[in-house]
Amino acid sequence: MKYDFDTPINRRNTYAMKWDGGELIKEFGLTERYDEDTIPLFTADMDFQVAEPVVEALRKTVDHQIFGYTIAPPAYYEAIQKWFSDKYDWEISKEEIIYAPGTVHSLNIAVKAFTGKGDGIIIQRPVYPPFTSAIEGNGRTVKNNMLKRDGSGHYHIDFEDFEALAKEDDTTMFIMCNPHNPTGNIFREDDLARLSDICRENGVIIIADEIHGDLIRLGETFTPIVKAASHTDHIVTLTAINKTFNLAGLHCTNVVITDEELRKQFQEEQGMSLPSPFTVSALIAAYTEGDEWLHQVREYIDGNIDFVIDFLSREMPKVKVERPAGTYVLWMDFSGYGITQEEVHDRIYNRANVLLEDGKMFGEEGNDFQRICVPSPRSVLEEALNRIAEEFRDLD
């Protein structure tokens, strides 16, 4: 079937965090202004209806009218196995899969299971803020292998610095984000192999957040790190249906761990965690019947990304942005305006009444940047961008 991503859907009064969570959002310090006229483009979920096979599977679950304790049946694991085999030539055994109720949850469990108080954990800023909170909130220490940005705006790994950090005695873990949030970079296969080798040689466990792996530009290629690595006994991979199929509210992350001892440690730290019947139904339907929807949504998101980049080049040429290879976020550099971060924020969040994410949330390397999430109807993006552009006209 042909899906309609153009028609705006009113998400207010549906418990949606981005549309109904104004007071909480203000408490978080994301914005000073949030009202019925706010256009929120800050959180990584889609303003699109999900795939019809998923909706039908959820209807059947509702129709049963009993929602008791639930286990993941063989079909759950088989759906995961087939998806990753077909898409990435990655053969996963049932035993290697652990259900978890979220990716941030899994990050925190991994930090507590595999590291000790005071241990150093490598991340690559600018990066998704919960990486930092999972480290510092659990009494560990951030070691920042800052991504290097070249003249074209593309980000690269500083391998000399990475290896030096990995060799330090107190370094026990590396949390990797690929495709990278917020830069949209996809790490090359040879870079992944090199990262893996450095970590294994130095006794560093890799936590690979790959939940954006299915959301890449048409024509691009994504390689899971386990497919690039010569050994996988030090790698923990986080996969999820939440980004791919817009199902974040169903709390479904699947942690893949090849090493038996690491699996045991993770499971003991997490304790018993059972999915809801809706989670099970949705995952099976998404991974077995969601391909058509995913292809169409990727086409639409690619169009949105090109639309935003074209708009900025015409209306706000001082904003620099590189087309991301993966994810559905754009990392916009406002430094060309020569004004403070606070003034950029005020013009966008308070005056234009558009809610993005300030780059400083992703580390000091994000100063002067704004992150925008683009999986919304194009008309919504256009309205938001027109508002922002109007507030910067006097600086052109």
Protein backbone atom coordinates (compact mmCIF):
# COMPACT_ATOMS: atom_id res chain seq x y z
CA MET A 1 0.00 0.00 0.00
CA LYS A 2 1.01 3.62 -0.50
CA TYR A 3 1.50 5.47 2.78
CA ASP A 4 0.68 9.15 3.26
CA PHE A 5 3.40 11.00 5.15
CA ASP A 6 2.40 14.45 3.90
CA THR A 7 -0.86 14.92 5.80
CA PRO A 8 -0.22 16.30 9.31
CA ILE A 9 -1.65 14.21 12.14
CA ASN A 10 -2.72 15.99 15.31
CA ARG A 11 -0.72 14.33 18.11
CA ARG A 12 -1.83 16.66 20.87
CA ASN A 13 -3.73 15.05 23.74
CA THR A 14 -2.29 11.62 22.87
CA TYR A 15 0.35 11.60 25.64
CA ALA A 16 3.08 12.39 23.08
CA MET A 17 6.14 13.78 24.85
CA LYS A 18 7.04 16.22 22.08
CA TRP A 19 3.49 17.57 21.68
CA ASP A 20 2.00 17.23 25.18
CA GLY A 21 5.04 17.41 27.43
CA GLY A 22 5.51 21.16 27.54
CA GLU A 23 5.88 21.51 31.30
CA LEU A 24 8.28 18.58 31.51
CA ILE A 25 10.26 19.92 28.54
CA LYS A 26 10.62 23.28 30.25
CA GLU A 27 11.71 21.55 33.46
CA PHE A 28 14.41 19.78 31.47
CA GLY A 29 15.65 23.21 30.41
CA LEU A 30 15.19 22.62 26.67
CA THR A 31 13.16 25.78 26.21
CA GLU A 32 11.62 28.70 28.10
CA ARG A 33 8.58 28.85 25.85
CA TYR A 34 6.18 26.04 25.04
CA ASP A 35 2.57 26.61 24.04
CA GLU A 36 -0.04 25.49 21.52
CA ASP A 37 1.82 27.30 18.74
CA THR A 38 5.16 25.59 19.39
CA ILE A 39 6.53 23.38 16.62
CA PRO A 40 8.59 20.65 18.34
CA LEU A 41 11.31 19.11 16.18
CA PHE A 42 13.61 18.05 18.99
CA THR A 43 12.86 14.45 19.84
CA ALA A 44 13.78 11.46 17.73
CA ASP A 45 10.43 10.01 16.88
CA MET A 46 8.32 10.36 13.75
CA ASP A 47 5.08 12.26 13.23
CA PHE A 48 3.97 9.48 10.87
CA GLN A 49 1.51 6.64 11.27
CA VAL A 50 3.23 3.30 11.61
CA ALA A 51 3.10 0.38 9.18
CA GLU A 52 -0.36 -1.11 8.71
CA PRO A 53 0.79 -4.69 9.53
CA VAL A 54 1.94 -3.38 12.92
CA VAL A 55 -1.40 -1.66 13.50
CA GLU A 56 -3.26 -4.85 12.57
CA ALA A 57 -1.10 -6.94 14.89
CA LEU A 58 -1.80 -4.52 17.75
CA ARG A 59 -5.53 -4.62 17.00
CA LYS A 60 -5.50 -8.40 17.34
CA THR A 61 -3.68 -8.08 20.64
CA VAL A 62 -6.29 -5.61 21.91
CA ASP A 63 -9.13 -7.81 20.71
CA HIS A 64 -7.87 -10.65 22.88
CA GLN A 65 -8.59 -8.41 25.90
CA ILE A 66 -6.11 -10.05 28.27
CA PHE A 67 -2.79 -8.32 28.92
CA GLY A 68 -0.99 -10.45 31.46
CA TYR A 69 2.67 -11.29 31.96
CA THR A 70 4.17 -11.98 28.59
CA ILE A 71 7.09 -13.97 27.21
CA ALA A 72 8.83 -13.63 23.88
CA PRO A 73 7.84 -16.68 21.79
CA PRO A 74 10.09 -18.36 19.19
CA ALA A 75 8.52 -16.18 16.47
CA TYR A 76 9.91 -13.10 18.24
CA TYR A 77 13.48 -14.32 18.03
CA GLU A 78 13.02 -15.72 14.53
CA ALA A 79 11.83 -12.32 13.30
CA ILE A 80 14.95 -10.64 14.71
CA GLN A 81 17.23 -13.32 13.30
CA LYS A 82 15.73 -13.14 9.82
CA TRP A 83 15.84 -9.33 9.72
CA PHE A 84 19.53 -9.10 10.54
CA SER A 85 20.41 -12.09 8.36
CA ASP A 86 18.59 -10.68 5.34
CA LYS A 87 19.70 -7.06 5.80
CA TYR A 88 23.24 -7.42 7.10
CA ASP A 89 24.27 -11.07 6.60
CA TRP A 90 24.50 -11.24 10.39
CA GLU A 91 23.63 -14.64 11.83
CA ILE A 92 22.43 -14.30 15.42
CA SER A 93 21.57 -17.23 17.66
CA LYS A 94 18.49 -17.06 19.89
CA GLU A 95 20.69 -17.35 22.98
CA GLU A 96 22.57 -14.18 22.07
CA ILE A 97 19.43 -11.99 22.22
CA ILE A 98 18.34 -10.32 25.45
CA TYR A 99 15.15 -8.25 25.60
CA ALA A 100 15.42 -4.90 27.36
CA PRO A 101 12.80 -2.15 27.79
CA GLY A 102 14.85 0.60 26.16
CA THR A 103 18.21 1.64 24.79
CA VAL A 104 19.09 4.18 27.49
CA HIS A 105 18.07 1.58 30.06
CA SER A 106 20.43 -0.89 28.36
CA LEU A 107 23.29 1.62 28.39
CA ASN A 108 22.94 2.05 32.14
CA ILE A 109 22.72 -1.70 32.72
CA ALA A 110 25.84 -2.26 30.61
CA VAL A 111 27.81 0.41 32.46
CA LYS A 112 26.91 -1.10 35.83
CA ALA A 113 27.42 -4.71 34.67
CA PHE A 114 30.79 -4.34 32.94
CA THR A 115 32.60 -1.49 34.70
CA GLY A 116 33.43 -0.39 38.22
CA LYS A 117 33.15 2.90 40.07
CA GLY A 118 35.66 5.40 38.76
CA ASP A 119 36.39 3.47 35.56
CA GLY A 120 36.99 5.45 32.40
CA ILE A 121 34.56 5.07 29.50
CA ILE A 122 35.30 6.43 26.03
CA ILE A 123 32.66 8.33 24.07
CA GLN A 124 32.95 10.43 20.92
CA ARG A 125 31.49 13.89 21.34
CA PRO A 126 29.45 15.59 20.12
CA VAL A 127 27.22 12.66 21.02
CA TYR A 128 23.78 11.72 22.32
CA PRO A 129 23.52 13.19 25.86
CA PRO A 130 22.42 9.97 27.67
CA PHE A 131 25.87 8.52 26.95
CA THR A 132 27.32 11.07 29.32
CA SER A 133 24.58 10.65 31.93
CA ALA A 134 24.92 6.85 31.88
CA ILE A 135 28.61 7.26 32.68
CA GLU A 136 28.60 10.11 35.17
CA GLY A 137 25.29 9.11 36.76
CA ASN A 138 26.79 5.74 37.67
CA GLY A 139 30.00 7.13 39.11
CA ARG A 140 32.23 6.46 36.10
CA THR A 141 34.48 8.90 34.22
CA VAL A 142 34.01 10.25 30.71
CA LYS A 143 36.98 9.96 28.35
CA ASN A 144 36.21 12.01 25.27
CA ASN A 145 37.63 10.90 21.93
CA MET A 146 36.34 14.03 20.20
CA LEU A 147 35.36 13.51 16.58
CA LYS A 148 37.41 15.69 14.22
CA ARG A 149 35.53 17.90 11.76
CA ASP A 150 37.13 18.68 8.43
CA GLY A 151 36.60 21.74 6.24
CA SER A 152 33.59 20.20 4.51
CA GLY A 153 31.85 19.58 7.83
CA HIS A 154 32.44 15.82 7.80
CA TYR A 155 33.45 14.09 11.02
CA HIS A 156 36.31 11.61 11.41
CA ILE A 157 37.71 9.48 14.22
CA ASP A 158 40.95 10.61 15.83
CA PHE A 159 42.53 7.15 16.08
CA GLU A 160 45.75 8.32 17.70
CA ASP A 161 43.79 9.83 20.58
CA PHE A 162 41.41 6.85 20.71
CA GLU A 163 44.24 4.35 21.08
CA ALA A 164 45.93 6.47 23.74
CA LEU A 165 42.70 6.56 25.76
CA ALA A 166 42.12 2.82 25.30
CA LYS A 167 45.61 2.06 26.63
CA GLU A 168 45.05 3.93 29.89
CA ASP A 169 44.78 1.50 32.80
CA ASP A 170 41.41 2.69 34.03
CA THR A 171 39.67 2.53 30.62
CA THR A 172 37.27 -0.40 30.52
CA MET A 173 34.56 0.51 28.02
CA PHE A 174 33.84 2.34 24.76
CA ILE A 175 30.26 3.41 23.98
CA MET A 176 29.94 3.81 20.23
CA CYS A 177 27.09 5.41 18.30
CA ASN A 178 26.79 4.24 14.68
CA PRO A 179 25.14 5.75 12.68
CA HIS A 180 26.31 8.62 14.80
CA ASN A 181 23.85 10.88 16.58
CA PRO A 182 23.90 13.87 16.01
CA THR A 183 26.36 14.08 13.10
CA GLY A 184 24.68 11.42 10.92
CA ASN A 185 28.07 9.88 10.14
CA ILE A 186 28.30 6.17 9.26
CA PHE A 187 31.63 4.66 10.25
CA ARG A 188 33.47 2.84 7.48
CA GLU A 189 34.00 -0.90 7.77
CA ASP A 190 37.78 -0.57 8.06
CA ASP A 191 37.37 2.02 10.81
CA LEU A 192 35.05 -0.31 12.71
CA ALA A 193 37.58 -3.14 12.43
CA ARG A 194 40.30 -0.84 13.73
CA LEU A 195 38.21 0.33 16.68
CA SER A 196 37.39 -3.27 17.54
CA ASP A 197 41.01 -4.40 17.40
CA ILE A 198 42.23 -1.52 19.57
CA CYS A 199 39.56 -2.24 22.18
CA ARG A 200 40.14 -5.98 22.27
CA GLU A 201 43.91 -5.57 22.54
CA ASN A 202 43.41 -3.32 25.57
CA GLY A 203 40.62 -5.18 27.34
CA VAL A 204 37.98 -2.56 26.50
CA ILE A 205 34.37 -3.67 26.06
CA ILE A 206 32.44 -2.06 23.20
CA ILE A 207 28.80 -1.07 23.64
CA ALA A 208 27.59 -0.44 20.10
CA ASP A 209 24.44 1.66 19.87
CA GLU A 210 23.25 0.81 16.35
CA ILE A 211 19.58 1.66 16.69
CA HIS A 212 19.66 4.05 13.71
CA GLY A 213 21.23 1.39 11.49
CA ASP A 214 18.12 0.81 9.39
CA LEU A 215 17.56 4.53 8.82
CA ILE A 216 20.24 5.39 6.31
CA ARG A 217 20.06 7.29 3.03
CA LEU A 218 18.99 5.25 0.04
CA GLY A 219 22.19 4.14 -1.66
CA GLU A 220 24.24 4.18 1.55
CA THR A 221 25.49 1.05 3.32
CA PHE A 222 25.57 0.31 7.04
CA THR A 223 27.76 -2.41 8.56
CA PRO A 224 27.21 -3.66 12.12
CA ILE A 225 30.49 -3.64 14.00
CA VAL A 226 30.31 -7.39 14.62
CA LYS A 227 30.47 -7.91 10.85
CA ALA A 228 33.63 -5.82 10.59
CA ALA A 229 35.38 -7.17 13.69
CA SER A 230 37.74 -10.14 13.64
CA HIS A 231 36.48 -11.13 17.10
CA THR A 232 33.16 -10.34 18.79
CA ASP A 233 33.64 -11.56 22.36
CA HIS A 234 34.11 -7.98 23.59
CA ILE A 235 31.15 -6.44 21.73
CA VAL A 236 27.62 -5.75 23.00
CA THR A 237 25.23 -4.48 20.32
CA LEU A 238 22.04 -2.54 21.01
CA THR A 239 19.34 -2.95 18.37
CA ALA A 240 15.77 -1.68 18.44
CA ILE A 241 12.54 -1.27 16.51
CA ASN A 242 11.86 2.10 18.12
CA LYS A 243 13.66 4.31 15.59
CA THR A 244 13.24 2.09 12.52
CA PHE A 245 9.48 1.65 12.82
CA ASN A 246 8.49 4.62 15.03
CA LEU A 247 7.63 2.43 18.01
CA ALA A 248 9.55 4.10 20.84
CA GLY A 249 6.51 4.05 23.10
CA LEU A 250 6.50 0.23 23.10
CA HIS A 251 9.91 0.04 24.82
CA CYS A 252 11.66 -2.62 22.79
CA THR A 253 15.44 -2.92 22.61
CA ASN A 254 17.21 -6.18 21.85
CA VAL A 255 20.73 -6.53 23.18
CA VAL A 256 22.93 -8.94 21.22
CA ILE A 257 25.89 -10.41 23.12
CA THR A 258 27.95 -13.23 21.63
CA ASP A 259 30.07 -13.91 24.71
CA GLU A 260 28.34 -16.14 27.25
CA GLU A 261 30.00 -14.59 30.30
CA LEU A 262 29.11 -11.04 29.24
CA ARG A 263 25.51 -12.18 28.63
CA LYS A 264 25.35 -13.61 32.12
CA GLN A 265 26.68 -10.39 33.65
CA PHE A 266 24.18 -8.25 31.73
CA GLN A 267 21.24 -10.49 32.62
CA GLU A 268 22.18 -10.58 36.29
CA GLU A 269 22.43 -6.78 36.43
CA GLN A 270 19.15 -6.25 34.59
CA GLY A 271 17.16 -8.89 36.43
CA MET A 272 13.92 -10.24 35.07
CA SER A 273 12.53 -8.04 32.28
CA LEU A 274 9.47 -9.09 30.32
CA PRO A 275 8.02 -7.44 27.22
CA SER A 276 4.40 -6.40 26.94
CA PRO A 277 2.12 -8.35 24.58
CA PHE A 278 1.99 -5.22 22.41
CA THR A 279 5.79 -5.16 22.14
CA VAL A 280 5.89 -8.79 21.02
CA SER A 281 3.11 -8.34 18.46
CA ALA A 282 4.63 -5.16 17.07
CA LEU A 283 8.15 -6.51 16.69
CA ILE A 284 7.05 -9.66 14.88
CA ALA A 285 4.86 -7.67 12.50
CA ALA A 286 7.46 -4.96 11.90
CA TYR A 287 10.36 -7.27 11.16
CA THR A 288 8.32 -9.69 9.03
CA GLU A 289 5.95 -7.31 7.19
CA GLY A 290 7.35 -3.80 7.62
CA ASP A 291 9.75 -3.59 4.68
CA GLU A 292 7.40 -1.75 2.34
CA TRP A 293 6.62 0.93 4.93
CA LEU A 294 10.29 1.32 5.82
CA HIS A 295 11.33 1.84 2.21
CA GLN A 296 8.67 4.48 1.73
CA VAL A 297 9.50 6.30 4.96
CA ARG A 298 13.20 6.31 4.07
CA GLU A 299 12.36 7.87 0.70
CA TYR A 300 10.27 10.53 2.43
CA ILE A 301 12.91 11.27 5.06
CA ASP A 302 15.56 11.55 2.34
CA GLY A 303 13.30 14.08 0.63
CA ASN A 304 12.88 16.00 3.89
CA ILE A 305 16.62 16.12 4.43
CA ASP A 306 17.18 17.45 0.93
CA PHE A 307 14.37 19.96 1.44
CA VAL A 308 15.94 21.32 4.64
CA ILE A 309 19.41 21.53 3.10
CA ASP A 310 18.04 23.32 0.02
CA PHE A 311 16.03 25.72 2.18
CA LEU A 312 19.04 26.60 4.28
CA SER A 313 21.25 27.14 1.23
CA ARG A 314 18.71 29.60 -0.20
CA GLU A 315 17.27 31.33 2.86
CA MET A 316 19.97 30.93 5.54
CA PRO A 317 23.28 30.38 3.72
CA LYS A 318 25.26 31.25 6.84
CA VAL A 319 24.02 27.98 8.38
CA LYS A 320 26.35 25.14 7.41
CA VAL A 321 25.12 21.56 7.32
CA GLU A 322 26.34 18.31 5.80
CA ARG A 323 23.89 15.76 4.39
CA PRO A 324 23.90 12.93 6.93
CA ALA A 325 24.58 9.40 5.69
CA GLY A 326 22.31 7.98 8.38
CA THR A 327 19.70 8.90 11.02
CA TYR A 328 16.93 11.45 10.51
CA VAL A 329 18.66 14.34 12.26
CA LEU A 330 20.54 17.29 10.81
CA TRP A 331 23.43 18.94 12.64
CA MET A 332 23.30 22.65 11.80
CA ASP A 333 26.21 25.01 12.40
CA PHE A 334 25.03 28.57 13.23
CA SER A 335 28.50 29.99 13.93
CA GLY A 336 28.43 31.93 10.66
CA TYR A 337 26.08 34.48 12.23
CA GLY A 338 28.71 35.60 14.72
CA ILE A 339 26.29 35.83 17.63
CA THR A 340 26.21 34.05 20.98
CA GLN A 341 24.68 30.65 21.52
CA GLU A 342 22.17 32.29 23.81
CA GLU A 343 21.01 34.65 21.08
CA VAL A 344 20.71 31.82 18.54
CA HIS A 345 18.62 29.95 21.07
CA ASP A 346 16.41 32.95 21.78
CA ARG A 347 15.72 33.60 18.11
CA ILE A 348 14.73 29.98 17.43
CA TYR A 349 13.07 28.80 20.64
CA ASN A 350 11.44 31.94 22.00
CA ARG A 351 10.86 34.19 19.00
CA ALA A 352 10.24 31.65 16.23
CA ASN A 353 8.66 29.26 18.78
CA VAL A 354 10.37 26.22 17.24
CA LEU A 355 11.84 23.63 19.56
CA LEU A 356 15.12 22.02 18.44
CA GLU A 357 18.03 20.79 20.60
CA ASP A 358 20.91 23.07 21.50
CA GLY A 359 24.21 21.58 20.40
CA LYS A 360 25.83 22.20 23.78
CA MET A 361 23.71 19.33 25.13
CA PHE A 362 25.91 17.00 23.08
CA GLY A 363 29.12 18.32 24.65
CA GLU A 364 31.06 21.53 24.27
CA GLU A 365 31.93 20.40 20.74
CA GLY A 366 28.31 21.15 19.93
CA ASN A 367 28.55 24.84 20.79
CA ASP A 368 27.04 26.93 17.96
CA PHE A 369 25.11 23.91 16.62
CA GLN A 370 21.44 22.99 16.62
CA ARG A 371 20.01 19.51 16.05
CA ILE A 372 16.77 19.19 14.13
CA CYS A 373 14.77 15.97 13.73
CA VAL A 374 13.05 15.89 10.34
CA PRO A 375 10.59 12.93 10.24
CA SER A 376 7.52 15.18 10.11
CA PRO A 377 5.22 16.20 7.24
CA ARG A 378 7.09 18.53 4.91
CA SER A 379 4.58 21.31 5.47
CA VAL A 380 5.41 21.26 9.19
CA LEU A 381 9.12 21.50 8.44
CA GLU A 382 8.51 24.33 5.99
CA GLU A 383 6.53 26.34 8.55
CA ALA A 384 9.23 25.82 11.19
CA LEU A 385 12.05 26.79 8.84
CA ASN A 386 10.20 29.87 7.58
CA ARG A 387 9.72 31.03 11.17
CA ILE A 388 13.40 30.52 11.97
CA ALA A 389 14.59 32.22 8.79
CA GLU A 390 12.43 35.25 9.50
CA GLU A 391 14.11 35.71 12.89
CA PHE A 392 17.57 35.79 11.27
CA ARG A 393 16.75 38.12 8.35
CA ASP A 394 18.39 41.08 10.03
CA LEU A 395 21.71 39.22 10.16
CA ASP A 396 21.84 38.24 6.48
